[in-house]
Protein backbone atom coordinates (compact mmCIF):
# COMPACT_ATOMS: atom_id res chain seq x y z
CA MET A 1 276.57 15.73 -10.42
CA ASP A 2 279.76 17.94 -10.81
CA LYS A 3 280.00 17.45 -14.58
CA PHE A 4 281.60 20.12 -16.61
CA GLY A 5 280.54 21.07 -20.25
CA GLN A 6 281.27 23.51 -22.73
CA TYR A 7 280.55 24.65 -26.20
CA VAL A 8 283.51 25.89 -28.09
CA LYS A 9 283.17 27.84 -31.17
CA PHE A 10 286.03 28.05 -33.51
CA ILE A 11 286.03 30.53 -36.43
CA THR A 12 288.89 29.86 -38.85
CA HIS A 13 290.85 31.78 -41.37
CA GLU A 14 289.02 31.82 -44.68
CA GLY A 15 288.92 28.26 -46.16
CA LYS A 16 290.57 26.54 -43.17
CA ARG A 17 287.48 25.01 -41.48
CA ASP A 18 287.62 21.63 -43.20
CA GLU A 19 291.39 21.24 -42.04
CA LEU A 20 290.64 22.34 -38.49
CA ALA A 21 287.65 19.87 -38.46
CA GLN A 22 290.01 17.00 -39.52
CA ASN A 23 292.32 17.95 -36.76
CA LEU A 24 289.64 17.90 -34.06
CA LEU A 25 288.09 14.79 -35.65
CA GLN A 26 291.53 12.96 -34.84
CA VAL A 27 291.49 14.19 -31.33
CA ALA A 28 287.96 12.98 -31.16
CA GLU A 29 289.02 9.37 -32.24
CA ASN A 30 291.40 9.12 -29.21
CA MET A 31 288.98 10.68 -26.65
CA HIS A 32 287.80 7.25 -25.33
CA MET A 33 291.37 6.99 -23.88
CA VAL A 34 291.26 10.30 -22.12
CA GLU A 35 290.35 10.15 -18.39
CA GLY A 36 287.08 11.98 -17.68
CA CYS A 37 285.79 12.72 -21.12
CA ASN A 38 282.23 11.75 -21.53
CA LEU A 39 281.50 13.46 -24.71
CA TYR A 40 283.30 15.17 -27.40
CA VAL A 41 281.49 16.16 -30.73
CA ILE A 42 282.66 18.14 -33.63
CA ASN A 43 279.99 20.23 -35.48
CA LEU A 44 279.92 22.37 -38.55
CA SER A 45 277.96 25.49 -38.73
CA THR A 46 275.36 25.47 -41.23
CA GLU A 47 275.29 29.23 -41.27
CA ASP A 48 279.00 29.91 -41.84
CA GLU A 49 281.65 28.19 -43.84
CA ASN A 50 284.40 29.14 -41.51
CA THR A 51 282.76 28.24 -38.33
CA LEU A 52 282.64 24.94 -36.34
CA TRP A 53 281.63 24.03 -32.75
CA VAL A 54 282.91 21.49 -30.31
CA THR A 55 280.45 19.99 -27.64
CA GLU A 56 282.08 18.71 -24.76
CA ILE A 57 281.01 17.04 -21.44
CA TRP A 58 283.80 15.91 -18.80
CA SER A 59 283.52 14.41 -15.33
CA ASN A 60 284.82 17.68 -13.99
CA LYS A 61 286.54 21.08 -15.03
CA GLU A 62 289.96 19.46 -13.82
CA ALA A 63 289.61 16.52 -16.03
CA HIS A 64 289.24 18.82 -19.12
CA GLN A 65 292.20 20.90 -17.89
CA ALA A 66 294.42 17.88 -17.63
CA SER A 67 293.51 16.75 -21.03
CA LEU A 68 295.13 19.98 -22.56
CA SER A 69 298.36 18.92 -21.15
CA LEU A 70 298.41 15.48 -22.54
CA GLU A 71 301.65 15.03 -25.19
CA GLY A 72 299.02 14.39 -27.98
CA SER A 73 296.79 17.29 -27.25
CA LYS A 74 299.74 19.56 -27.23
CA GLU A 75 300.66 18.50 -30.76
CA TYR A 76 297.25 19.00 -32.22
CA ILE A 77 296.83 22.46 -30.47
CA ALA A 78 300.19 23.53 -32.08
CA ALA A 79 299.05 22.31 -35.63
CA SER A 80 295.58 23.86 -35.13
CA LEU A 81 296.52 27.26 -33.73
CA PRO A 82 297.45 28.75 -37.24
CA LEU A 83 294.22 27.82 -38.66
CA ILE A 84 292.18 29.63 -36.11
CA LYS A 85 290.94 33.13 -36.31
CA GLN A 86 288.83 33.50 -33.00
CA VAL A 87 287.68 31.15 -30.39
CA ASP A 88 284.61 31.66 -28.19
CA LYS A 89 283.57 29.27 -25.14
CA VAL A 90 280.38 28.75 -23.20
CA GLU A 91 280.95 26.87 -20.07
CA LEU A 92 278.11 24.83 -18.78
CA LYS A 93 277.13 22.81 -15.72
CA PRO A 94 275.36 19.56 -17.09
CA LEU A 95 272.31 18.61 -15.02
CA GLY A 96 271.29 15.35 -17.03
CA GLY A 97 269.40 14.25 -20.01
CA PHE A 98 269.46 11.37 -22.63
CA GLY A 99 273.05 10.07 -23.03
CA LEU A 100 274.55 11.61 -20.08
CA ASN A 101 275.64 9.19 -17.48
């Protein structure tokens, strides 16, 4: 299995987390149409009101990269950038588990 996964931590500017969460939830609604996306989950931090996490699993890293160049993706990225203060990523190699095909 050559799947690609990542946890992406977004720290927003003060009070902008909910707006970013709504943007990302809109993205998530369309992920079923994106080739290679197996999982795309938006998570709010319970410890910091300006932090949210995105959990992603892709068929491979190339599928993830290709998704960033889609027309809809470019629009959401452009709309979200002013809300974001910092982004941290942890790349993963999924091995298996419940819910992972």
